[in-house]
Amino acid sequence: MKESLTYLKELEAPIERAITKLHSTCFGYPPDKVECVFLRSFDLTLSIERQRSPTESFLLKSGQTQLSTEIGLSVNAILRDKVFDLLKNEF
């Protein structure tokens, strides 16, 4: 079991790099932070911090908080699906 976890830990950095590349391809800039951690339970946790898109920022400045939030949530959902596909197909 320890060897399995060690092997998974070795995948953390390549997964982080692949997610950073995916984000850069989708948005034209890298995420602020990507963190990938395999837990002892063999669960994978991912954290991706991204900047607000120009559209989200514009809407916020215009007082359209709800619409900006909805767009941000939609972008996050699309990114989540793309990350899932990346993990399923590449790792």
PDB file of N, CA and C in Angstrom:
ATOM      1  N   MET A   1       0.827  -1.195   0.000  1.00  0.00           N
ATOM      2  CA  MET A   1       0.000   0.000   0.000  1.00  0.00           C
ATOM      3  C   MET A   1       0.871   1.259   0.000  1.00  0.00           C
ATOM      4  N   LYS A   2       1.962   1.221   0.757  1.00  0.00           N
ATOM      5  CA  LYS A   2       2.844   2.378   0.816  1.00  0.00           C
ATOM      6  C   LYS A   2       3.447   2.666  -0.552  1.00  0.00           C
ATOM      7  N   GLU A   3       3.811   1.600  -1.305  1.00  0.00           N
ATOM      8  CA  GLU A   3       4.371   1.797  -2.638  1.00  0.00           C
ATOM      9  C   GLU A   3       3.344   2.414  -3.582  1.00  0.00           C
ATOM     10  N   SER A   4       2.087   2.015  -3.435  1.00  0.00           N
ATOM     11  CA  SER A   4       1.040   2.582  -4.282  1.00  0.00           C
ATOM     12  C   SER A   4       0.894   4.070  -4.035  1.00  0.00           C
ATOM     13  N   LEU A   5       0.907   4.458  -2.760  1.00  0.00           N
ATOM     14  CA  LEU A   5       0.781   5.878  -2.426  1.00  0.00           C
ATOM     15  C   LEU A   5       2.004   6.654  -2.916  1.00  0.00           C
ATOM     16  N   THR A   6       3.177   6.060  -2.816  1.00  0.00           N
ATOM     17  CA  THR A   6       4.395   6.702  -3.313  1.00  0.00           C
ATOM     18  C   THR A   6       4.288   6.930  -4.815  1.00  0.00           C
ATOM     19  N   TYR A   7       3.795   5.930  -5.537  1.00  0.00           N
ATOM     20  CA  TYR A   7       3.613   6.065  -6.987  1.00  0.00           C
ATOM     21  C   TYR A   7       2.635   7.199  -7.295  1.00  0.00           C
ATOM     22  N   LEU A   8       1.533   7.249  -6.557  1.00  0.00           N
ATOM     23  CA  LEU A   8       0.543   8.296  -6.791  1.00  0.00           C
ATOM     24  C   LEU A   8       1.123   9.671  -6.486  1.00  0.00           C
ATOM     25  N   LYS A   9       1.909   9.782  -5.425  1.00  0.00           N
ATOM     26  CA  LYS A   9       2.536  11.059  -5.070  1.00  0.00           C
ATOM     27  C   LYS A   9       3.416  11.561  -6.221  1.00  0.00           C
ATOM     28  N   GLU A  10       4.058  10.618  -6.935  1.00  0.00           N
ATOM     29  CA  GLU A  10       4.901  10.989  -8.070  1.00  0.00           C
ATOM     30  C   GLU A  10       4.090  11.571  -9.222  1.00  0.00           C
ATOM     31  N   LEU A  11       2.794  11.322  -9.247  1.00  0.00           N
ATOM     32  CA  LEU A  11       1.930  11.856 -10.298  1.00  0.00           C
ATOM     33  C   LEU A  11       1.457  13.280 -10.016  1.00  0.00           C
ATOM     34  N   GLU A  12       1.608  13.745  -8.779  1.00  0.00           N
ATOM     35  CA  GLU A  12       1.076  15.064  -8.413  1.00  0.00           C
ATOM     36  C   GLU A  12       1.642  16.185  -9.287  1.00  0.00           C
ATOM     37  N   ALA A  13       2.956  16.252  -9.424  1.00  0.00           N
ATOM     38  CA  ALA A  13       3.567  17.337 -10.211  1.00  0.00           C
ATOM     39  C   ALA A  13       3.176  17.263 -11.695  1.00  0.00           C
ATOM     40  N   PRO A  14       3.218  16.078 -12.336  1.00  0.00           N
ATOM     41  CA  PRO A  14       2.773  16.026 -13.742  1.00  0.00           C
ATOM     42  C   PRO A  14       1.299  16.423 -13.918  1.00  0.00           C
ATOM     43  N   ILE A  15       0.456  16.065 -12.965  1.00  0.00           N
ATOM     44  CA  ILE A  15      -0.956  16.459 -13.049  1.00  0.00           C
ATOM     45  C   ILE A  15      -1.071  17.972 -12.922  1.00  0.00           C
ATOM     46  N   GLU A  16      -0.343  18.562 -11.990  1.00  0.00           N
ATOM     47  CA  GLU A  16      -0.373  20.020 -11.829  1.00  0.00           C
ATOM     48  C   GLU A  16       0.079  20.711 -13.112  1.00  0.00           C
ATOM     49  N   ARG A  17       1.146  20.206 -13.727  1.00  0.00           N
ATOM     50  CA  ARG A  17       1.630  20.803 -14.983  1.00  0.00           C
ATOM     51  C   ARG A  17       0.590  20.657 -16.100  1.00  0.00           C
ATOM     52  N   ALA A  18      -0.039  19.497 -16.182  1.00  0.00           N
ATOM     53  CA  ALA A  18      -1.048  19.270 -17.229  1.00  0.00           C
ATOM     54  C   ALA A  18      -2.251  20.193 -17.038  1.00  0.00           C
ATOM     55  N   ILE A  19      -2.665  20.403 -15.800  1.00  0.00           N
ATOM     56  CA  ILE A  19      -3.797  21.299 -15.531  1.00  0.00           C
ATOM     57  C   ILE A  19      -3.415  22.743 -15.845  1.00  0.00           C
ATOM     58  N   THR A  20      -2.186  23.125 -15.499  1.00  0.00           N
ATOM     59  CA  THR A  20      -1.720  24.477 -15.811  1.00  0.00           C
ATOM     60  C   THR A  20      -1.721  24.703 -17.322  1.00  0.00           C
ATOM     61  N   LYS A  21      -1.256  23.703 -18.073  1.00  0.00           N
ATOM     62  CA  LYS A  21      -1.245  23.800 -19.541  1.00  0.00           C
ATOM     63  C   LYS A  21      -2.671  23.886 -20.086  1.00  0.00           C
ATOM     64  N   LEU A  22      -3.570  23.057 -19.570  1.00  0.00           N
ATOM     65  CA  LEU A  22      -4.969  23.088 -19.999  1.00  0.00           C
ATOM     66  C   LEU A  22      -5.574  24.466 -19.755  1.00  0.00           C
ATOM     67  N   HIS A  23      -5.370  25.001 -18.568  1.00  0.00           N
ATOM     68  CA  HIS A  23      -5.909  26.318 -18.221  1.00  0.00           C
ATOM     69  C   HIS A  23      -5.352  27.381 -19.169  1.00  0.00           C
ATOM     70  N   SER A  24      -4.050  27.339 -19.404  1.00  0.00           N
ATOM     71  CA  SER A  24      -3.420  28.317 -20.297  1.00  0.00           C
ATOM     72  C   SER A  24      -3.980  28.230 -21.708  1.00  0.00           C
ATOM     73  N   THR A  25      -4.233  27.006 -22.169  1.00  0.00           N
ATOM     74  CA  THR A  25      -4.805  26.806 -23.497  1.00  0.00           C
ATOM     75  C   THR A  25      -6.228  27.356 -23.564  1.00  0.00           C
ATOM     76  N   CYS A  26      -7.013  27.113 -22.528  1.00  0.00           N
ATOM     77  CA  CYS A  26      -8.416  27.552 -22.521  1.00  0.00           C
ATOM     78  C   CYS A  26      -8.571  29.062 -22.348  1.00  0.00           C
ATOM     79  N   PHE A  27      -7.763  29.658 -21.479  1.00  0.00           N
ATOM     80  CA  PHE A  27      -7.969  31.057 -21.100  1.00  0.00           C
ATOM     81  C   PHE A  27      -6.893  32.009 -21.614  1.00  0.00           C
ATOM     82  N   GLY A  28      -5.774  31.462 -22.100  1.00  0.00           N
ATOM     83  CA  GLY A  28      -4.718  32.328 -22.593  1.00  0.00           C
ATOM     84  C   GLY A  28      -3.747  32.796 -21.526  1.00  0.00           C
ATOM     85  N   TYR A  29      -3.922  32.340 -20.306  1.00  0.00           N
ATOM     86  CA  TYR A  29      -3.007  32.671 -19.209  1.00  0.00           C
ATOM     87  C   TYR A  29      -3.053  31.540 -18.188  1.00  0.00           C
ATOM     88  N   PRO A  30      -1.971  31.361 -17.440  1.00  0.00           N
ATOM     89  CA  PRO A  30      -1.945  30.257 -16.467  1.00  0.00           C
ATOM     90  C   PRO A  30      -2.799  30.572 -15.243  1.00  0.00           C
ATOM     91  N   PRO A  31      -3.201  29.562 -14.508  1.00  0.00           N
ATOM     92  CA  PRO A  31      -3.937  29.800 -13.266  1.00  0.00           C
ATOM     93  C   PRO A  31      -2.996  30.414 -12.225  1.00  0.00           C
ATOM     94  N   ASP A  32      -3.578  31.037 -11.216  1.00  0.00           N
ATOM     95  CA  ASP A  32      -2.768  31.600 -10.134  1.00  0.00           C
ATOM     96  C   ASP A  32      -2.082  30.497  -9.341  1.00  0.00           C
ATOM     97  N   LYS A  33      -2.797  29.385  -9.160  1.00  0.00           N
ATOM     98  CA  LYS A  33      -2.244  28.290  -8.359  1.00  0.00           C
ATOM     99  C   LYS A  33      -2.954  26.990  -8.716  1.00  0.00           C
ATOM    100  N   VAL A  34      -2.187  25.909  -8.781  1.00  0.00           N
ATOM    101  CA  VAL A  34      -2.748  24.558  -8.946  1.00  0.00           C
ATOM    102  C   VAL A  34      -2.100  23.683  -7.888  1.00  0.00           C
ATOM    103  N   GLU A  35      -2.928  22.969  -7.156  1.00  0.00           N
ATOM    104  CA  GLU A  35      -2.413  22.054  -6.139  1.00  0.00           C
ATOM    105  C   GLU A  35      -3.104  20.710  -6.280  1.00  0.00           C
ATOM    106  N   CYS A  36      -2.313  19.662  -6.339  1.00  0.00           N
ATOM    107  CA  CYS A  36      -2.798  18.296  -6.480  1.00  0.00           C
ATOM    108  C   CYS A  36      -2.214  17.479  -5.337  1.00  0.00           C
ATOM    109  N   VAL A  37      -3.080  16.782  -4.600  1.00  0.00           N
ATOM    110  CA  VAL A  37      -2.610  15.988  -3.465  1.00  0.00           C
ATOM    111  C   VAL A  37      -3.370  14.663  -3.436  1.00  0.00           C
ATOM    112  N   PHE A  38      -2.616  13.574  -3.377  1.00  0.00           N
ATOM    113  CA  PHE A  38      -3.221  12.272  -3.136  1.00  0.00           C
ATOM    114  C   PHE A  38      -3.192  12.018  -1.630  1.00  0.00           C
ATOM    115  N   LEU A  39      -4.332  11.663  -1.088  1.00  0.00           N
ATOM    116  CA  LEU A  39      -4.442  11.402   0.347  1.00  0.00           C
ATOM    117  C   LEU A  39      -4.164   9.932   0.640  1.00  0.00           C
ATOM    118  N   ARG A  40      -3.976   9.610   1.900  1.00  0.00           N
ATOM    119  CA  ARG A  40      -3.737   8.212   2.291  1.00  0.00           C
ATOM    120  C   ARG A  40      -4.869   7.291   1.863  1.00  0.00           C
ATOM    121  N   SER A  41      -6.062   7.854   1.774  1.00  0.00           N
ATOM    122  CA  SER A  41      -7.228   7.072   1.352  1.00  0.00           C
ATOM    123  C   SER A  41      -7.250   6.869  -0.167  1.00  0.00           C
ATOM    124  N   PHE A  42      -6.199   7.343  -0.849  1.00  0.00           N
ATOM    125  CA  PHE A  42      -6.066   7.286  -2.306  1.00  0.00           C
ATOM    126  C   PHE A  42      -7.034   8.215  -3.024  1.00  0.00           C
ATOM    127  N   ASP A  43      -7.671   9.118  -2.272  1.00  0.00           N
ATOM    128  CA  ASP A  43      -8.507  10.141  -2.888  1.00  0.00           C
ATOM    129  C   ASP A  43      -7.599  11.239  -3.433  1.00  0.00           C
ATOM    130  N   LEU A  44      -8.039  11.874  -4.489  1.00  0.00           N
ATOM    131  CA  LEU A  44      -7.292  12.962  -5.108  1.00  0.00           C
ATOM    132  C   LEU A  44      -7.999  14.267  -4.791  1.00  0.00           C
ATOM    133  N   THR A  45      -7.247  15.247  -4.300  1.00  0.00           N
ATOM    134  CA  THR A  45      -7.807  16.582  -4.109  1.00  0.00           C
ATOM    135  C   THR A  45      -7.101  17.533  -5.059  1.00  0.00           C
ATOM    136  N   LEU A  46      -7.892  18.366  -5.710  1.00  0.00           N
ATOM    137  CA  LEU A  46      -7.361  19.369  -6.635  1.00  0.00           C
ATOM    138  C   LEU A  46      -7.870  20.739  -6.227  1.00  0.00           C
ATOM    139  N   SER A  47      -6.988  21.701  -6.293  1.00  0.00           N
ATOM    140  CA  SER A  47      -7.359  23.090  -6.052  1.00  0.00           C
ATOM    141  C   SER A  47      -6.784  23.914  -7.192  1.00  0.00           C
ATOM    142  N   ILE A  48      -7.659  24.640  -7.868  1.00  0.00           N
ATOM    143  CA  ILE A  48      -7.242  25.508  -8.966  1.00  0.00           C
ATOM    144  C   ILE A  48      -7.743  26.910  -8.660  1.00  0.00           C
ATOM    145  N   GLU A  49      -6.819  27.841  -8.527  1.00  0.00           N
ATOM    146  CA  GLU A  49      -7.184  29.230  -8.293  1.00  0.00           C
ATOM    147  C   GLU A  49      -6.956  29.993  -9.585  1.00  0.00           C
ATOM    148  N   ARG A  50      -7.987  30.690 -10.028  1.00  0.00           N
ATOM    149  CA  ARG A  50      -7.887  31.437 -11.275  1.00  0.00           C
ATOM    150  C   ARG A  50      -8.321  32.883 -11.057  1.00  0.00           C
ATOM    151  N   GLN A  51      -7.849  33.741 -11.948  1.00  0.00           N
ATOM    152  CA  GLN A  51      -8.266  35.142 -11.932  1.00  0.00           C
ATOM    153  C   GLN A  51      -9.678  35.236 -12.486  1.00  0.00           C
ATOM    154  N   ARG A  52     -10.341  36.323 -12.146  1.00  0.00           N
ATOM    155  CA  ARG A  52     -11.617  36.585 -12.800  1.00  0.00           C
ATOM    156  C   ARG A  52     -11.337  36.902 -14.264  1.00  0.00           C
ATOM    157  N   SER A  53     -12.231  36.455 -15.112  1.00  0.00           N
ATOM    158  CA  SER A  53     -12.101  36.776 -16.529  1.00  0.00           C
ATOM    159  C   SER A  53     -12.392  38.267 -16.715  1.00  0.00           C
ATOM    160  N   PRO A  54     -11.964  38.832 -17.843  1.00  0.00           N
ATOM    161  CA  PRO A  54     -12.293  40.232 -18.105  1.00  0.00           C
ATOM    162  C   PRO A  54     -13.806  40.490 -18.076  1.00  0.00           C
ATOM    163  N   THR A  55     -14.568  39.542 -18.567  1.00  0.00           N
ATOM    164  CA  THR A  55     -16.026  39.701 -18.553  1.00  0.00           C
ATOM    165  C   THR A  55     -16.558  39.729 -17.129  1.00  0.00           C
ATOM    166  N   GLU A  56     -16.082  38.814 -16.284  1.00  0.00           N
ATOM    167  CA  GLU A  56     -16.501  38.808 -14.879  1.00  0.00           C
ATOM    168  C   GLU A  56     -16.148  40.126 -14.199  1.00  0.00           C
ATOM    169  N   SER A  57     -14.936  40.608 -14.439  1.00  0.00           N
ATOM    170  CA  SER A  57     -14.489  41.865 -13.828  1.00  0.00           C
ATOM    171  C   SER A  57     -15.332  43.044 -14.304  1.00  0.00           C
ATOM    172  N   PHE A  58     -15.609  43.088 -15.601  1.00  0.00           N
ATOM    173  CA  PHE A  58     -16.446  44.165 -16.150  1.00  0.00           C
ATOM    174  C   PHE A  58     -17.832  44.171 -15.503  1.00  0.00           C
ATOM    175  N   LEU A  59     -18.425  42.994 -15.404  1.00  0.00           N
ATOM    176  CA  LEU A  59     -19.758  42.910 -14.813  1.00  0.00           C
ATOM    177  C   LEU A  59     -19.757  43.340 -13.348  1.00  0.00           C
ATOM    178  N   LEU A  60     -18.722  42.951 -12.619  1.00  0.00           N
ATOM    179  CA  LEU A  60     -18.618  43.367 -11.220  1.00  0.00           C
ATOM    180  C   LEU A  60     -18.520  44.884 -11.110  1.00  0.00           C
ATOM    181  N   LYS A  61     -17.679  45.490 -11.934  1.00  0.00           N
ATOM    182  CA  LYS A  61     -17.515  46.947 -11.913  1.00  0.00           C
ATOM    183  C   LYS A  61     -18.795  47.662 -12.315  1.00  0.00           C
ATOM    184  N   SER A  62     -19.611  46.998 -13.114  1.00  0.00           N
ATOM    185  CA  SER A  62     -20.877  47.581 -13.569  1.00  0.00           C
ATOM    186  C   SER A  62     -22.017  47.318 -12.596  1.00  0.00           C
ATOM    187  N   GLY A  63     -21.718  46.666 -11.495  1.00  0.00           N
ATOM    188  CA  GLY A  63     -22.751  46.395 -10.502  1.00  0.00           C
ATOM    189  C   GLY A  63     -23.578  45.156 -10.782  1.00  0.00           C
ATOM    190  N   GLN A  64     -23.170  44.362 -11.744  1.00  0.00           N
ATOM    191  CA  GLN A  64     -23.903  43.142 -12.108  1.00  0.00           C
ATOM    192  C   GLN A  64     -23.303  41.936 -11.370  1.00  0.00           C
ATOM    193  N   THR A  65     -23.349  41.988 -10.056  1.00  0.00           N
ATOM    194  CA  THR A  65     -22.711  40.968  -9.225  1.00  0.00           C
ATOM    195  C   THR A  65     -23.273  39.577  -9.492  1.00  0.00           C
ATOM    196  N   GLN A  66     -24.579  39.461  -9.553  1.00  0.00           N
ATOM    197  CA  GLN A  66     -25.208  38.155  -9.749  1.00  0.00           C
ATOM    198  C   GLN A  66     -24.802  37.537 -11.084  1.00  0.00           C
ATOM    199  N   LEU A  67     -24.841  38.336 -12.129  1.00  0.00           N
ATOM    200  CA  LEU A  67     -24.479  37.828 -13.456  1.00  0.00           C
ATOM    201  C   LEU A  67     -23.002  37.435 -13.500  1.00  0.00           C
ATOM    202  N   SER A  68     -22.152  38.253 -12.879  1.00  0.00           N
ATOM    203  CA  SER A  68     -20.725  37.931 -12.814  1.00  0.00           C
ATOM    204  C   SER A  68     -20.500  36.614 -12.090  1.00  0.00           C
ATOM    205  N   THR A  69     -21.211  36.410 -10.996  1.00  0.00           N
ATOM    206  CA  THR A  69     -21.099  35.166 -10.231  1.00  0.00           C
ATOM    207  C   THR A  69     -21.565  33.977 -11.056  1.00  0.00           C
ATOM    208  N   GLU A  70     -22.674  34.120 -11.760  1.00  0.00           N
ATOM    209  CA  GLU A  70     -23.190  33.030 -12.591  1.00  0.00           C
ATOM    210  C   GLU A  70     -22.208  32.660 -13.696  1.00  0.00           C
ATOM    211  N   ILE A  71     -21.610  33.663 -14.320  1.00  0.00           N
ATOM    212  CA  ILE A  71     -20.632  33.389 -15.370  1.00  0.00           C
ATOM    213  C   ILE A  71     -19.415  32.689 -14.773  1.00  0.00           C
ATOM    214  N   GLY A  72     -18.943  33.168 -13.629  1.00  0.00           N
ATOM    215  CA  GLY A  72     -17.802  32.534 -12.964  1.00  0.00           C
ATOM    216  C   GLY A  72     -18.077  31.082 -12.624  1.00  0.00           C
ATOM    217  N   LEU A  73     -19.277  30.803 -12.130  1.00  0.00           N
ATOM    218  CA  LEU A  73     -19.645  29.420 -11.805  1.00  0.00           C
ATOM    219  C   LEU A  73     -19.707  28.557 -13.068  1.00  0.00           C
ATOM    220  N   SER A  74     -20.207  29.138 -14.159  1.00  0.00           N
ATOM    221  CA  SER A  74     -20.262  28.398 -15.428  1.00  0.00           C
ATOM    222  C   SER A  74     -18.862  28.097 -15.941  1.00  0.00           C
ATOM    223  N   VAL A  75     -17.973  29.071 -15.862  1.00  0.00           N
ATOM    224  CA  VAL A  75     -16.589  28.862 -16.285  1.00  0.00           C
ATOM    225  C   VAL A  75     -15.954  27.762 -15.437  1.00  0.00           C
ATOM    226  N   ASN A  76     -16.180  27.809 -14.132  1.00  0.00           N
ATOM    227  CA  ASN A  76     -15.626  26.786 -13.240  1.00  0.00           C
ATOM    228  C   ASN A  76     -16.156  25.396 -13.588  1.00  0.00           C
ATOM    229  N   ALA A  77     -17.441  25.303 -13.907  1.00  0.00           N
ATOM    230  CA  ALA A  77     -18.032  24.006 -14.260  1.00  0.00           C
ATOM    231  C   ALA A  77     -17.425  23.458 -15.549  1.00  0.00           C
ATOM    232  N   ILE A  78     -17.225  24.328 -16.522  1.00  0.00           N
ATOM    233  CA  ILE A  78     -16.613  23.890 -17.784  1.00  0.00           C
ATOM    234  C   ILE A  78     -15.180  23.443 -17.537  1.00  0.00           C
ATOM    235  N   LEU A  79     -14.439  24.217 -16.746  1.00  0.00           N
ATOM    236  CA  LEU A  79     -13.060  23.858 -16.422  1.00  0.00           C
ATOM    237  C   LEU A  79     -13.018  22.525 -15.673  1.00  0.00           C
ATOM    238  N   ARG A  80     -13.932  22.329 -14.740  1.00  0.00           N
ATOM    239  CA  ARG A  80     -13.995  21.063 -13.994  1.00  0.00           C
ATOM    240  C   ARG A  80     -14.181  19.884 -14.936  1.00  0.00           C
ATOM    241  N   ASP A  81     -15.082  20.023 -15.903  1.00  0.00           N
ATOM    242  CA  ASP A  81     -15.325  18.944 -16.862  1.00  0.00           C
ATOM    243  C   ASP A  81     -14.087  18.669 -17.717  1.00  0.00           C
ATOM    244  N   LYS A  82     -13.396  19.727 -18.122  1.00  0.00           N
ATOM    245  CA  LYS A  82     -12.184  19.558 -18.926  1.00  0.00           C
ATOM    246  C   LYS A  82     -11.075  18.897 -18.112  1.00  0.00           C
ATOM    247  N   VAL A  83     -10.958  19.251 -16.833  1.00  0.00           N
ATOM    248  CA  VAL A  83      -9.958  18.622 -15.961  1.00  0.00           C
ATOM    249  C   VAL A  83     -10.294  17.147 -15.771  1.00  0.00           C
ATOM    250  N   PHE A  84     -11.565  16.844 -15.566  1.00  0.00           N
ATOM    251  CA  PHE A  84     -11.979  15.448 -15.418  1.00  0.00           C
ATOM    252  C   PHE A  84     -11.601  14.641 -16.661  1.00  0.00           C
ATOM    253  N   ASP A  85     -11.899  15.188 -17.840  1.00  0.00           N
ATOM    254  CA  ASP A  85     -11.547  14.503 -19.089  1.00  0.00           C
ATOM    255  C   ASP A  85     -10.035  14.325 -19.212  1.00  0.00           C
ATOM    256  N   LEU A  86      -9.288  15.347 -18.839  1.00  0.00           N
ATOM    257  CA  LEU A  86      -7.828  15.271 -18.886  1.00  0.00           C
ATOM    258  C   LEU A  86      -7.314  14.143 -17.993  1.00  0.00           C
ATOM    259  N   LEU A  87      -7.806  14.093 -16.780  1.00  0.00           N
ATOM    260  CA  LEU A  87      -7.362  13.039 -15.843  1.00  0.00           C
ATOM    261  C   LEU A  87      -7.753  11.655 -16.333  1.00  0.00           C
ATOM    262  N   LYS A  88      -8.963  11.540 -16.849  1.00  0.00           N
ATOM    263  CA  LYS A  88      -9.445  10.248 -17.325  1.00  0.00           C
ATOM    264  C   LYS A  88      -8.648   9.757 -18.522  1.00  0.00           C
ATOM    265  N   ASN A  89      -8.287  10.673 -19.421  1.00  0.00           N
ATOM    266  CA  ASN A  89      -7.646  10.285 -20.667  1.00  0.00           C
ATOM    267  C   ASN A  89      -6.121  10.260 -20.604  1.00  0.00           C
ATOM    268  N   GLU A  90      -5.526  11.037 -19.729  1.00  0.00           N
ATOM    269  CA  GLU A  90      -4.065  11.174 -19.714  1.00  0.00           C
ATOM    270  C   GLU A  90      -3.404  10.425 -18.554  1.00  0.00           C
ATOM    271  N   PHE A  91      -4.147  10.225 -17.483  1.00  0.00           N
ATOM    272  CA  PHE A  91      -3.534   9.598 -16.305  1.00  0.00           C
ATOM    273  C   PHE A  91      -4.339   8.379 -15.934  1.00  0.00           C
TER     274      PHE A  91
END
